[in-house]
Amino acid sequence: MGGGDHDDQRMKKIAAASYDYENDSRWADYWSNVLIPPHMASRSDVVDYFKRKFYKRYIDADLVVEPMPSTCSSQSTIPTPAPSSSPATEQSRQRSTASSTSASGASPTPAVTPSSLRWDRQTIQFSVNAWIFVVAVLAIFPLVPRNLANKAYRLSFMGTIGSSLCSLYSLYGKPRAWNLQALQVWFQSIIATKDFIYSVYCLMFVTSHLSIKFALIPVLCRAVEHVAKFLRRNFTRSTLYRKYLEEPCLWVESNTTTLNILTSHAEIGLGFILIISLFSWQRNIIQTFMYWQLLKLMYQAPVTAGYHQSVWGKIDRTINPLVNRYAPFLNTPISAAKRWWLR
């Protein structure tokens, strides 16, 4: 049986290694939420390890994922004392240790490890996203005073911009050099990420005079998803969490696809709302044009393409029969719009 299990796991590992991760939108979303130092994110063995974890979570739960090998072998090599030592030697060693300790300070400070830095970043992201969730709820709650709701509306977008930029910096760092070529390479590495897309999305609305509460739906979904993931990973032993928050967090984590589909519907619907607003006194032609360029990026970026293409497919299947039956003259402008969209 042991040999059969070994062969079975070997086949599963081969299947996991040959899986097409790049065309699975869930992998891009999963990888964008992995917080590791940039120098580790570029290593193939680290990426392969997280790919196997992704494969186990979404494709084959029976795959056994071995722990990631330690990257610092020097930490495991601890110097052993000499077999024999005289009392004088021990006393001189203690004196030298005490003098070095007093020279460096009253108490030795623990070294900052990458895991502690990662924990700090996760805690900060959780705090910011929890704050975004509360402020966004205040912005859309109908009984909140108008002035407070408008401030909360803009603070929600500003908080999301800060959270997205912080996540981008922790994952991709800053450009290697401040010249055109280095900036172009760095920009190409972040342009298709969800954090960059959301930072641009929020920047469009925080600088606009339009106040569309409908635009807060993607912000709320993003904040809820981040908060639920953090609570599920770090507060499972808390009595308060198990009593009140475990079921909602479990629902959010198991319905991430539903939240992404809802977000895609809201983002596309918002594009049509901006087109309708062009016929009002609050029209903003530049914002509408830029937002449709962002929708085009969402349609093509791997992290959002699957959800947006699904929604646009439903719209196409609904509109085409109506246009062919009642307004066939619209086929020409619709075809031109599709060519621009797919270009």
C-alpha atoms as a PDB file:
ATOM      1  CA  MET A   1       0.000   0.000   0.000  1.00  0.00           C
ATOM      2  CA  GLY A   2       2.893   2.299   0.741  1.00  0.00           C
ATOM      3  CA  GLY A   3       4.213   1.936  -2.806  1.00  0.00           C
ATOM      4  CA  GLY A   4       0.772   2.592  -4.285  1.00  0.00           C
ATOM      5  CA  ASP A   5       0.317   5.740  -2.196  1.00  0.00           C
ATOM      6  CA  HIS A   6       3.768   6.922  -3.225  1.00  0.00           C
ATOM      7  CA  ASP A   7       2.995   6.423  -6.922  1.00  0.00           C
ATOM      8  CA  ASP A   8      -0.358   8.141  -6.479  1.00  0.00           C
ATOM      9  CA  GLN A   9       1.259  11.177  -4.863  1.00  0.00           C
ATOM     10  CA  ARG A  10       3.937  11.242  -7.558  1.00  0.00           C
ATOM     11  CA  MET A  11       1.259  11.412 -10.259  1.00  0.00           C
ATOM     12  CA  LYS A  12      -0.548  14.130  -8.340  1.00  0.00           C
ATOM     13  CA  LYS A  13       2.676  16.160  -8.112  1.00  0.00           C
ATOM     14  CA  ILE A  14       3.229  15.769 -11.846  1.00  0.00           C
ATOM     15  CA  ALA A  15      -0.336  16.922 -12.488  1.00  0.00           C
ATOM     16  CA  ALA A  16       0.166  19.898 -10.163  1.00  0.00           C
ATOM     17  CA  ALA A  17       3.420  20.845 -11.901  1.00  0.00           C
ATOM     18  CA  SER A  18       1.848  20.669 -15.370  1.00  0.00           C
ATOM     19  CA  TYR A  19      -1.315  22.579 -14.432  1.00  0.00           C
ATOM     20  CA  ASP A  20      -1.901  25.774 -16.429  1.00  0.00           C
ATOM     21  CA  TYR A  21      -1.814  28.316 -13.617  1.00  0.00           C
ATOM     22  CA  GLU A  22      -1.458  31.357 -15.851  1.00  0.00           C
ATOM     23  CA  ASN A  23      -4.882  30.833 -17.454  1.00  0.00           C
ATOM     24  CA  ASP A  24      -6.592  30.287 -14.100  1.00  0.00           C
ATOM     25  CA  SER A  25      -7.763  33.651 -12.757  1.00  0.00           C
ATOM     26  CA  ARG A  26      -7.895  32.200  -9.252  1.00  0.00           C
ATOM     27  CA  TRP A  27      -4.117  31.682  -9.251  1.00  0.00           C
ATOM     28  CA  ALA A  28      -3.412  35.341 -10.002  1.00  0.00           C
ATOM     29  CA  ASP A  29      -5.776  36.336  -7.199  1.00  0.00           C
ATOM     30  CA  TYR A  30      -4.190  33.795  -4.841  1.00  0.00           C
ATOM     31  CA  TRP A  31      -0.615  34.852  -5.660  1.00  0.00           C
ATOM     32  CA  SER A  32      -1.428  38.563  -5.284  1.00  0.00           C
ATOM     33  CA  ASN A  33      -2.561  37.880  -1.708  1.00  0.00           C
ATOM     34  CA  VAL A  34       0.612  36.004  -0.708  1.00  0.00           C
ATOM     35  CA  LEU A  35       2.752  38.350   1.360  1.00  0.00           C
ATOM     36  CA  ILE A  36       6.405  37.345   1.134  1.00  0.00           C
ATOM     37  CA  PRO A  37       9.595  39.420   0.746  1.00  0.00           C
ATOM     38  CA  PRO A  38      10.321  40.443  -2.873  1.00  0.00           C
ATOM     39  CA  HIS A  39      13.627  38.562  -2.981  1.00  0.00           C
ATOM     40  CA  MET A  40      11.768  35.325  -2.149  1.00  0.00           C
ATOM     41  CA  ALA A  41       8.935  35.955  -4.604  1.00  0.00           C
ATOM     42  CA  SER A  42      11.428  35.772  -7.487  1.00  0.00           C
ATOM     43  CA  ARG A  43      12.669  32.301  -6.517  1.00  0.00           C
ATOM     44  CA  SER A  44      11.261  29.423  -8.554  1.00  0.00           C
ATOM     45  CA  ASP A  45      11.195  26.973  -5.618  1.00  0.00           C
ATOM     46  CA  VAL A  46       9.089  29.379  -3.546  1.00  0.00           C
ATOM     47  CA  VAL A  47       6.667  29.960  -6.438  1.00  0.00           C
ATOM     48  CA  ASP A  48       6.396  26.190  -7.034  1.00  0.00           C
ATOM     49  CA  TYR A  49       5.632  25.643  -3.343  1.00  0.00           C
ATOM     50  CA  PHE A  50       2.728  28.102  -3.389  1.00  0.00           C
ATOM     51  CA  LYS A  51       1.506  26.644  -6.693  1.00  0.00           C
ATOM     52  CA  ARG A  52       1.261  23.231  -5.021  1.00  0.00           C
ATOM     53  CA  LYS A  53      -0.639  24.802  -2.105  1.00  0.00           C
ATOM     54  CA  PHE A  54      -3.002  26.463  -4.590  1.00  0.00           C
ATOM     55  CA  TYR A  55      -3.467  23.153  -6.428  1.00  0.00           C
ATOM     56  CA  LYS A  56      -4.282  21.371  -3.161  1.00  0.00           C
ATOM     57  CA  ARG A  57      -6.798  24.029  -2.150  1.00  0.00           C
ATOM     58  CA  TYR A  58      -8.690  24.449  -5.424  1.00  0.00           C
ATOM     59  CA  ILE A  59      -8.017  21.355  -7.581  1.00  0.00           C
ATOM     60  CA  ASP A  60      -7.032  18.254  -5.595  1.00  0.00           C
ATOM     61  CA  ALA A  61      -7.374  18.251  -1.814  1.00  0.00           C
ATOM     62  CA  ASP A  62      -5.604  14.863  -1.570  1.00  0.00           C
ATOM     63  CA  LEU A  63      -2.275  16.267  -2.750  1.00  0.00           C
ATOM     64  CA  VAL A  64       0.327  16.178   0.025  1.00  0.00           C
ATOM     65  CA  VAL A  65       2.314  19.416   0.107  1.00  0.00           C
ATOM     66  CA  GLU A  66       5.630  19.082   1.876  1.00  0.00           C
ATOM     67  CA  PRO A  67       6.849  21.985   4.028  1.00  0.00           C
ATOM     68  CA  MET A  68       9.022  24.565   2.338  1.00  0.00           C
ATOM     69  CA  PRO A  69      12.725  23.818   2.961  1.00  0.00           C
ATOM     70  CA  SER A  70      14.505  26.244   5.245  1.00  0.00           C
ATOM     71  CA  THR A  71      16.342  28.996   3.394  1.00  0.00           C
ATOM     72  CA  CYS A  72      18.830  29.641   6.130  1.00  0.00           C
ATOM     73  CA  SER A  73      20.812  26.512   6.837  1.00  0.00           C
ATOM     74  CA  SER A  74      23.183  28.473   9.001  1.00  0.00           C
ATOM     75  CA  GLN A  75      20.458  28.866  11.630  1.00  0.00           C
ATOM     76  CA  SER A  76      20.403  25.128  12.206  1.00  0.00           C
ATOM     77  CA  THR A  77      24.128  24.880  12.829  1.00  0.00           C
ATOM     78  CA  ILE A  78      24.700  25.756  16.468  1.00  0.00           C
ATOM     79  CA  PRO A  79      28.294  25.807  17.701  1.00  0.00           C
ATOM     80  CA  THR A  80      28.942  23.263  20.448  1.00  0.00           C
ATOM     81  CA  PRO A  81      31.267  23.979  23.360  1.00  0.00           C
ATOM     82  CA  ALA A  82      34.676  22.330  23.652  1.00  0.00           C
ATOM     83  CA  PRO A  83      34.778  18.928  25.389  1.00  0.00           C
ATOM     84  CA  SER A  84      36.752  20.237  28.351  1.00  0.00           C
ATOM     85  CA  SER A  85      37.379  23.691  29.722  1.00  0.00           C
ATOM     86  CA  SER A  86      38.967  24.992  32.856  1.00  0.00           C
ATOM     87  CA  PRO A  87      37.135  27.214  35.377  1.00  0.00           C
ATOM     88  CA  ALA A  88      39.437  30.108  34.494  1.00  0.00           C
ATOM     89  CA  THR A  89      38.487  29.785  30.862  1.00  0.00           C
ATOM     90  CA  GLU A  90      34.777  29.732  31.768  1.00  0.00           C
ATOM     91  CA  GLN A  91      35.144  32.848  33.926  1.00  0.00           C
ATOM     92  CA  SER A  92      37.002  34.750  31.218  1.00  0.00           C
ATOM     93  CA  ARG A  93      34.303  33.715  28.704  1.00  0.00           C
ATOM     94  CA  GLN A  94      31.558  34.984  31.018  1.00  0.00           C
ATOM     95  CA  ARG A  95      33.380  38.273  31.546  1.00  0.00           C
ATOM     96  CA  SER A  96      33.817  38.811  27.816  1.00  0.00           C
ATOM     97  CA  THR A  97      30.141  37.997  27.214  1.00  0.00           C
ATOM     98  CA  ALA A  98      29.040  40.405  29.952  1.00  0.00           C
ATOM     99  CA  SER A  99      31.265  43.190  28.609  1.00  0.00           C
ATOM    100  CA  SER A 100      29.963  42.760  25.061  1.00  0.00           C
ATOM    101  CA  THR A 101      26.386  42.779  26.345  1.00  0.00           C
ATOM    102  CA  SER A 102      26.907  45.947  28.399  1.00  0.00           C
ATOM    103  CA  ALA A 103      28.593  47.630  25.435  1.00  0.00           C
ATOM    104  CA  SER A 104      25.660  46.959  23.128  1.00  0.00           C
ATOM    105  CA  GLY A 105      22.981  47.932  25.679  1.00  0.00           C
ATOM    106  CA  ALA A 106      21.202  46.844  28.807  1.00  0.00           C
ATOM    107  CA  SER A 107      19.377  44.013  27.069  1.00  0.00           C
ATOM    108  CA  PRO A 108      19.963  42.373  23.693  1.00  0.00           C
ATOM    109  CA  THR A 109      17.355  43.243  21.056  1.00  0.00           C
ATOM    110  CA  PRO A 110      15.926  40.351  19.071  1.00  0.00           C
ATOM    111  CA  ALA A 111      16.728  40.274  15.380  1.00  0.00           C
ATOM    112  CA  VAL A 112      13.906  41.238  13.040  1.00  0.00           C
ATOM    113  CA  THR A 113      13.096  38.274  10.854  1.00  0.00           C
ATOM    114  CA  PRO A 114      11.206  38.353   7.520  1.00  0.00           C
ATOM    115  CA  SER A 115       8.302  36.458   9.131  1.00  0.00           C
ATOM    116  CA  SER A 116       7.845  39.174  11.766  1.00  0.00           C
ATOM    117  CA  LEU A 117       7.905  41.850   9.061  1.00  0.00           C
ATOM    118  CA  ARG A 118       5.334  39.890   7.093  1.00  0.00           C
ATOM    119  CA  TRP A 119       3.152  39.620  10.184  1.00  0.00           C
ATOM    120  CA  ASP A 120       3.355  43.380  10.714  1.00  0.00           C
ATOM    121  CA  ARG A 121       2.318  44.047   7.137  1.00  0.00           C
ATOM    122  CA  GLN A 122      -0.609  41.648   7.424  1.00  0.00           C
ATOM    123  CA  THR A 123      -1.738  43.282  10.657  1.00  0.00           C
ATOM    124  CA  ILE A 124      -1.555  46.739   9.114  1.00  0.00           C
ATOM    125  CA  GLN A 125      -3.515  45.573   6.064  1.00  0.00           C
ATOM    126  CA  PHE A 126      -6.150  44.020   8.313  1.00  0.00           C
ATOM    127  CA  SER A 127      -6.497  47.205  10.373  1.00  0.00           C
ATOM    128  CA  VAL A 128      -6.789  49.412   7.296  1.00  0.00           C
ATOM    129  CA  ASN A 129      -9.321  47.149   5.574  1.00  0.00           C
ATOM    130  CA  ALA A 130     -11.420  46.835   8.736  1.00  0.00           C
ATOM    131  CA  TRP A 131     -11.455  50.635   8.926  1.00  0.00           C
ATOM    132  CA  ILE A 132     -12.408  50.823   5.215  1.00  0.00           C
ATOM    133  CA  PHE A 133     -15.302  48.431   5.805  1.00  0.00           C
ATOM    134  CA  VAL A 134     -16.696  50.477   8.710  1.00  0.00           C
ATOM    135  CA  VAL A 135     -16.334  53.783   6.853  1.00  0.00           C
ATOM    136  CA  ALA A 136     -17.895  52.393   3.653  1.00  0.00           C
ATOM    137  CA  VAL A 137     -20.887  51.082   5.607  1.00  0.00           C
ATOM    138  CA  LEU A 138     -21.325  54.561   7.106  1.00  0.00           C
ATOM    139  CA  ALA A 139     -21.191  56.049   3.610  1.00  0.00           C
ATOM    140  CA  ILE A 140     -24.035  53.903   2.249  1.00  0.00           C
ATOM    141  CA  PHE A 141     -26.191  53.722   5.387  1.00  0.00           C
ATOM    142  CA  PRO A 142     -29.304  55.830   4.674  1.00  0.00           C
ATOM    143  CA  LEU A 143     -29.711  57.258   8.208  1.00  0.00           C
ATOM    144  CA  VAL A 144     -26.215  58.789   8.367  1.00  0.00           C
ATOM    145  CA  PRO A 145     -26.130  62.612   7.970  1.00  0.00           C
ATOM    146  CA  ARG A 146     -25.284  63.763   4.465  1.00  0.00           C
ATOM    147  CA  ASN A 147     -22.045  65.557   5.347  1.00  0.00           C
ATOM    148  CA  LEU A 148     -20.733  62.578   7.319  1.00  0.00           C
ATOM    149  CA  ALA A 149     -21.752  60.171   4.544  1.00  0.00           C
ATOM    150  CA  ASN A 150     -19.909  62.233   1.908  1.00  0.00           C
ATOM    151  CA  LYS A 151     -16.744  62.320   4.031  1.00  0.00           C
ATOM    152  CA  ALA A 152     -16.981  58.578   4.671  1.00  0.00           C
ATOM    153  CA  TYR A 153     -17.502  58.032   0.919  1.00  0.00           C
ATOM    154  CA  ARG A 154     -14.200  59.720   0.054  1.00  0.00           C
ATOM    155  CA  LEU A 155     -12.332  58.248   3.012  1.00  0.00           C
ATOM    156  CA  SER A 156     -13.299  54.751   1.817  1.00  0.00           C
ATOM    157  CA  PHE A 157     -11.597  55.336  -1.532  1.00  0.00           C
ATOM    158  CA  MET A 158      -8.582  57.013   0.084  1.00  0.00           C
ATOM    159  CA  GLY A 159      -8.126  54.094   2.477  1.00  0.00           C
ATOM    160  CA  THR A 160      -8.330  51.594  -0.381  1.00  0.00           C
ATOM    161  CA  ILE A 161      -5.721  53.567  -2.330  1.00  0.00           C
ATOM    162  CA  GLY A 162      -3.381  53.473   0.669  1.00  0.00           C
ATOM    163  CA  SER A 163      -3.966  49.767   1.249  1.00  0.00           C
ATOM    164  CA  SER A 164      -3.399  48.917  -2.435  1.00  0.00           C
ATOM    165  CA  LEU A 165      -0.222  50.984  -2.722  1.00  0.00           C
ATOM    166  CA  CYS A 166       1.146  49.482   0.501  1.00  0.00           C
ATOM    167  CA  SER A 167       0.477  45.983  -0.834  1.00  0.00           C
ATOM    168  CA  LEU A 168       2.129  46.839  -4.160  1.00  0.00           C
ATOM    169  CA  TYR A 169       5.230  48.143  -2.403  1.00  0.00           C
ATOM    170  CA  SER A 170       5.513  45.092  -0.147  1.00  0.00           C
ATOM    171  CA  LEU A 171       5.201  42.703  -3.102  1.00  0.00           C
ATOM    172  CA  TYR A 172       7.098  44.513  -5.867  1.00  0.00           C
ATOM    173  CA  GLY A 173       9.185  47.107  -4.050  1.00  0.00           C
ATOM    174  CA  LYS A 174      10.271  50.214  -5.906  1.00  0.00           C
ATOM    175  CA  PRO A 175      11.896  50.530  -9.342  1.00  0.00           C
ATOM    176  CA  ARG A 176      15.537  49.482  -9.495  1.00  0.00           C
ATOM    177  CA  ALA A 177      16.475  52.834 -10.981  1.00  0.00           C
ATOM    178  CA  TRP A 178      14.672  56.088 -11.698  1.00  0.00           C
ATOM    179  CA  ASN A 179      15.096  56.050 -15.451  1.00  0.00           C
ATOM    180  CA  LEU A 180      12.576  55.418 -18.209  1.00  0.00           C
ATOM    181  CA  GLN A 181      13.555  51.807 -18.905  1.00  0.00           C
ATOM    182  CA  ALA A 182      13.507  50.717 -15.237  1.00  0.00           C
ATOM    183  CA  LEU A 183      10.198  52.491 -14.637  1.00  0.00           C
ATOM    184  CA  GLN A 184       8.704  50.794 -17.690  1.00  0.00           C
ATOM    185  CA  VAL A 185       9.800  47.331 -16.513  1.00  0.00           C
ATOM    186  CA  TRP A 186       8.460  47.964 -13.002  1.00  0.00           C
ATOM    187  CA  PHE A 187       5.179  49.361 -14.324  1.00  0.00           C
ATOM    188  CA  GLN A 188       4.647  46.358 -16.602  1.00  0.00           C
ATOM    189  CA  SER A 189       5.065  44.045 -13.593  1.00  0.00           C
ATOM    190  CA  ILE A 190       2.293  45.754 -11.593  1.00  0.00           C
ATOM    191  CA  ILE A 191      -0.189  46.957 -14.208  1.00  0.00           C
ATOM    192  CA  ALA A 192      -2.128  43.678 -14.335  1.00  0.00           C
ATOM    193  CA  THR A 193      -2.352  43.211 -10.550  1.00  0.00           C
ATOM    194  CA  LYS A 194      -5.577  43.680  -8.625  1.00  0.00           C
ATOM    195  CA  ASP A 195      -3.949  46.161  -6.237  1.00  0.00           C
ATOM    196  CA  PHE A 196      -2.939  48.475  -9.077  1.00  0.00           C
ATOM    197  CA  ILE A 197      -6.369  48.220 -10.712  1.00  0.00           C
ATOM    198  CA  TYR A 198      -8.111  49.101  -7.453  1.00  0.00           C
ATOM    199  CA  SER A 199      -5.782  52.004  -6.730  1.00  0.00           C
ATOM    200  CA  VAL A 200      -6.609  53.523 -10.141  1.00  0.00           C
ATOM    201  CA  TYR A 201     -10.302  52.724  -9.677  1.00  0.00           C
ATOM    202  CA  CYS A 202     -10.457  54.534  -6.328  1.00  0.00           C
ATOM    203  CA  LEU A 203      -8.346  57.441  -7.579  1.00  0.00           C
ATOM    204  CA  MET A 204     -10.934  58.136 -10.283  1.00  0.00           C
ATOM    205  CA  PHE A 205     -13.765  58.490  -7.775  1.00  0.00           C
ATOM    206  CA  VAL A 206     -11.967  60.216  -4.926  1.00  0.00           C
ATOM    207  CA  THR A 207     -10.992  63.053  -7.305  1.00  0.00           C
ATOM    208  CA  SER A 208     -14.409  63.308  -8.977  1.00  0.00           C
ATOM    209  CA  HIS A 209     -17.244  65.642  -7.997  1.00  0.00           C
ATOM    210  CA  LEU A 210     -19.688  62.796  -8.675  1.00  0.00           C
ATOM    211  CA  SER A 211     -20.857  60.865  -5.614  1.00  0.00           C
ATOM    212  CA  ILE A 212     -22.006  57.421  -6.765  1.00  0.00           C
ATOM    213  CA  LYS A 213     -22.574  55.162  -3.760  1.00  0.00           C
ATOM    214  CA  PHE A 214     -22.852  52.223  -6.173  1.00  0.00           C
ATOM    215  CA  ALA A 215     -19.077  52.530  -6.686  1.00  0.00           C
ATOM    216  CA  LEU A 216     -18.476  51.400  -3.090  1.00  0.00           C
ATOM    217  CA  ILE A 217     -19.589  47.810  -3.794  1.00  0.00           C
ATOM    218  CA  PRO A 218     -16.155  46.668  -5.106  1.00  0.00           C
ATOM    219  CA  VAL A 219     -14.456  48.474  -2.204  1.00  0.00           C
ATOM    220  CA  LEU A 220     -16.699  46.735   0.340  1.00  0.00           C
ATOM    221  CA  CYS A 221     -16.191  43.312  -1.250  1.00  0.00           C
ATOM    222  CA  ARG A 222     -12.411  43.760  -1.255  1.00  0.00           C
ATOM    223  CA  ALA A 223     -12.337  44.903   2.375  1.00  0.00           C
ATOM    224  CA  VAL A 224     -14.612  42.065   3.545  1.00  0.00           C
ATOM    225  CA  GLU A 225     -12.464  39.487   1.755  1.00  0.00           C
ATOM    226  CA  HIS A 226      -9.215  40.756   3.318  1.00  0.00           C
ATOM    227  CA  VAL A 227     -10.695  41.008   6.820  1.00  0.00           C
ATOM    228  CA  ALA A 228     -12.244  37.540   6.668  1.00  0.00           C
ATOM    229  CA  LYS A 229      -8.989  35.929   5.484  1.00  0.00           C
ATOM    230  CA  PHE A 230      -7.000  37.551   8.285  1.00  0.00           C
ATOM    231  CA  LEU A 231      -9.522  36.549  10.961  1.00  0.00           C
ATOM    232  CA  ARG A 232      -9.649  32.968   9.680  1.00  0.00           C
ATOM    233  CA  ARG A 233      -5.864  32.657   9.828  1.00  0.00           C
ATOM    234  CA  ASN A 234      -5.130  34.391  13.124  1.00  0.00           C
ATOM    235  CA  PHE A 235      -8.185  34.339  15.408  1.00  0.00           C
ATOM    236  CA  THR A 236      -9.396  30.744  15.253  1.00  0.00           C
ATOM    237  CA  ARG A 237      -8.664  30.269  18.977  1.00  0.00           C
ATOM    238  CA  SER A 238     -10.587  33.347  20.050  1.00  0.00           C
ATOM    239  CA  THR A 239     -13.875  32.673  21.804  1.00  0.00           C
ATOM    240  CA  LEU A 240     -15.394  35.867  20.408  1.00  0.00           C
ATOM    241  CA  TYR A 241     -14.416  34.841  16.885  1.00  0.00           C
ATOM    242  CA  ARG A 242     -15.802  31.317  17.219  1.00  0.00           C
ATOM    243  CA  LYS A 243     -19.070  32.600  18.659  1.00  0.00           C
ATOM    244  CA  TYR A 244     -19.877  35.509  16.337  1.00  0.00           C
ATOM    245  CA  LEU A 245     -17.484  35.708  13.387  1.00  0.00           C
ATOM    246  CA  GLU A 246     -16.560  32.167  12.360  1.00  0.00           C
ATOM    247  CA  GLU A 247     -19.622  31.480  10.211  1.00  0.00           C
ATOM    248  CA  PRO A 248     -19.566  34.847   8.359  1.00  0.00           C
ATOM    249  CA  CYS A 249     -15.823  34.537   7.717  1.00  0.00           C
ATOM    250  CA  LEU A 250     -16.214  30.963   6.525  1.00  0.00           C
ATOM    251  CA  TRP A 251     -19.006  32.051   4.172  1.00  0.00           C
ATOM    252  CA  VAL A 252     -16.866  34.866   2.756  1.00  0.00           C
ATOM    253  CA  GLU A 253     -13.869  32.602   2.193  1.00  0.00           C
ATOM    254  CA  SER A 254     -15.961  29.887   0.538  1.00  0.00           C
ATOM    255  CA  ASN A 255     -17.821  32.391  -1.659  1.00  0.00           C
ATOM    256  CA  THR A 256     -14.904  34.416  -2.958  1.00  0.00           C
ATOM    257  CA  THR A 257     -15.974  33.684  -6.534  1.00  0.00           C
ATOM    258  CA  THR A 258     -19.462  35.028  -5.798  1.00  0.00           C
ATOM    259  CA  LEU A 259     -18.002  38.245  -4.394  1.00  0.00           C
ATOM    260  CA  ASN A 260     -15.758  38.635  -7.453  1.00  0.00           C
ATOM    261  CA  ILE A 261     -18.712  38.137  -9.784  1.00  0.00           C
ATOM    262  CA  LEU A 262     -20.721  40.714  -7.807  1.00  0.00           C
ATOM    263  CA  THR A 263     -17.781  43.098  -8.034  1.00  0.00           C
ATOM    264  CA  SER A 264     -17.542  42.609 -11.800  1.00  0.00           C
ATOM    265  CA  HIS A 265     -21.262  43.295 -12.244  1.00  0.00           C
ATOM    266  CA  ALA A 266     -20.946  46.476 -10.174  1.00  0.00           C
ATOM    267  CA  GLU A 267     -17.862  47.691 -12.075  1.00  0.00           C
ATOM    268  CA  ILE A 268     -19.465  47.147 -15.485  1.00  0.00           C
ATOM    269  CA  GLY A 269     -22.785  48.621 -14.349  1.00  0.00           C
ATOM    270  CA  LEU A 270     -20.905  51.664 -13.102  1.00  0.00           C
ATOM    271  CA  GLY A 271     -19.516  52.181 -16.612  1.00  0.00           C
ATOM    272  CA  PHE A 272     -23.037  52.438 -18.014  1.00  0.00           C
ATOM    273  CA  ILE A 273     -24.056  54.764 -15.157  1.00  0.00           C
ATOM    274  CA  LEU A 274     -21.213  57.102 -16.143  1.00  0.00           C
ATOM    275  CA  ILE A 275     -22.414  57.046 -19.758  1.00  0.00           C
ATOM    276  CA  ILE A 276     -25.929  57.973 -18.631  1.00  0.00           C
ATOM    277  CA  SER A 277     -24.480  60.754 -16.457  1.00  0.00           C
ATOM    278  CA  LEU A 278     -23.089  62.367 -19.624  1.00  0.00           C
ATOM    279  CA  PHE A 279     -26.645  63.570 -20.353  1.00  0.00           C
ATOM    280  CA  SER A 280     -26.883  65.360 -16.992  1.00  0.00           C
ATOM    281  CA  TRP A 281     -25.316  68.550 -15.624  1.00  0.00           C
ATOM    282  CA  GLN A 282     -22.891  66.389 -13.578  1.00  0.00           C
ATOM    283  CA  ARG A 283     -21.256  64.883 -16.640  1.00  0.00           C
ATOM    284  CA  ASN A 284     -17.535  64.235 -16.663  1.00  0.00           C
ATOM    285  CA  ILE A 285     -16.342  63.195 -20.105  1.00  0.00           C
ATOM    286  CA  ILE A 286     -12.706  62.614 -19.085  1.00  0.00           C
ATOM    287  CA  GLN A 287     -13.645  60.423 -16.115  1.00  0.00           C
ATOM    288  CA  THR A 288     -16.029  58.380 -18.256  1.00  0.00           C
ATOM    289  CA  PHE A 289     -13.401  57.834 -20.946  1.00  0.00           C
ATOM    290  CA  MET A 290     -10.708  56.899 -18.409  1.00  0.00           C
ATOM    291  CA  TYR A 291     -13.055  54.545 -16.572  1.00  0.00           C
ATOM    292  CA  TRP A 292     -13.870  52.672 -19.772  1.00  0.00           C
ATOM    293  CA  GLN A 293     -10.152  52.330 -20.406  1.00  0.00           C
ATOM    294  CA  LEU A 294      -9.890  50.802 -16.930  1.00  0.00           C
ATOM    295  CA  LEU A 295     -12.761  48.428 -17.744  1.00  0.00           C
ATOM    296  CA  LYS A 296     -10.840  47.404 -20.842  1.00  0.00           C
ATOM    297  CA  LEU A 297      -7.819  46.633 -18.644  1.00  0.00           C
ATOM    298  CA  MET A 298     -10.034  44.610 -16.278  1.00  0.00           C
ATOM    299  CA  TYR A 299     -11.309  42.631 -19.279  1.00  0.00           C
ATOM    300  CA  GLN A 300      -7.744  41.716 -20.281  1.00  0.00           C
ATOM    301  CA  ALA A 301      -5.881  41.424 -16.940  1.00  0.00           C
ATOM    302  CA  PRO A 302      -5.653  37.768 -15.818  1.00  0.00           C
ATOM    303  CA  VAL A 303      -6.685  38.561 -12.237  1.00  0.00           C
ATOM    304  CA  THR A 304     -10.093  39.946 -13.333  1.00  0.00           C
ATOM    305  CA  ALA A 305     -10.499  38.716 -16.922  1.00  0.00           C
ATOM    306  CA  GLY A 306     -12.457  35.548 -16.109  1.00  0.00           C
ATOM    307  CA  TYR A 307     -15.175  37.384 -14.183  1.00  0.00           C
ATOM    308  CA  HIS A 308     -15.477  40.344 -16.557  1.00  0.00           C
ATOM    309  CA  GLN A 309     -15.547  38.184 -19.667  1.00  0.00           C
ATOM    310  CA  SER A 310     -18.337  36.113 -18.116  1.00  0.00           C
ATOM    311  CA  VAL A 311     -20.436  39.227 -17.417  1.00  0.00           C
ATOM    312  CA  TRP A 312     -19.814  40.696 -20.864  1.00  0.00           C
ATOM    313  CA  GLY A 313     -20.759  37.352 -22.411  1.00  0.00           C
ATOM    314  CA  LYS A 314     -24.128  37.478 -20.635  1.00  0.00           C
ATOM    315  CA  ILE A 315     -24.674  41.066 -21.790  1.00  0.00           C
ATOM    316  CA  ASP A 316     -23.829  40.120 -25.379  1.00  0.00           C
ATOM    317  CA  ARG A 317     -26.222  37.152 -25.348  1.00  0.00           C
ATOM    318  CA  THR A 318     -28.993  39.357 -23.967  1.00  0.00           C
ATOM    319  CA  ILE A 319     -28.505  42.434 -26.178  1.00  0.00           C
ATOM    320  CA  ASN A 320     -27.795  40.801 -29.556  1.00  0.00           C
ATOM    321  CA  PRO A 321     -31.252  39.221 -30.094  1.00  0.00           C
ATOM    322  CA  LEU A 322     -32.972  42.476 -29.119  1.00  0.00           C
ATOM    323  CA  VAL A 323     -30.789  44.551 -31.448  1.00  0.00           C
ATOM    324  CA  ASN A 324     -31.262  42.144 -34.361  1.00  0.00           C
ATOM    325  CA  ARG A 325     -35.007  42.152 -33.862  1.00  0.00           C
ATOM    326  CA  TYR A 326     -35.845  45.778 -33.029  1.00  0.00           C
ATOM    327  CA  ALA A 327     -32.818  47.918 -34.018  1.00  0.00           C
ATOM    328  CA  PRO A 328     -30.661  46.232 -36.659  1.00  0.00           C
ATOM    329  CA  PHE A 329     -29.156  49.600 -37.607  1.00  0.00           C
ATOM    330  CA  LEU A 330     -27.171  49.471 -34.333  1.00  0.00           C
ATOM    331  CA  ASN A 331     -25.167  46.441 -35.475  1.00  0.00           C
ATOM    332  CA  THR A 332     -22.565  48.617 -37.231  1.00  0.00           C
ATOM    333  CA  PRO A 333     -21.701  50.886 -34.239  1.00  0.00           C
ATOM    334  CA  ILE A 334     -21.784  47.898 -31.877  1.00  0.00           C
ATOM    335  CA  SER A 335     -19.329  46.019 -34.120  1.00  0.00           C
ATOM    336  CA  ALA A 336     -17.038  49.060 -34.176  1.00  0.00           C
ATOM    337  CA  ALA A 337     -17.199  49.305 -30.369  1.00  0.00           C
ATOM    338  CA  LYS A 338     -16.325  45.600 -30.077  1.00  0.00           C
ATOM    339  CA  ARG A 339     -13.300  46.026 -32.344  1.00  0.00           C
ATOM    340  CA  TRP A 340     -12.043  48.886 -30.172  1.00  0.00           C
ATOM    341  CA  TRP A 341     -12.734  46.862 -27.031  1.00  0.00           C
ATOM    342  CA  LEU A 342     -10.780  43.807 -28.206  1.00  0.00           C
ATOM    343  CA  ARG A 343      -7.910  45.808 -29.722  1.00  0.00           C
END
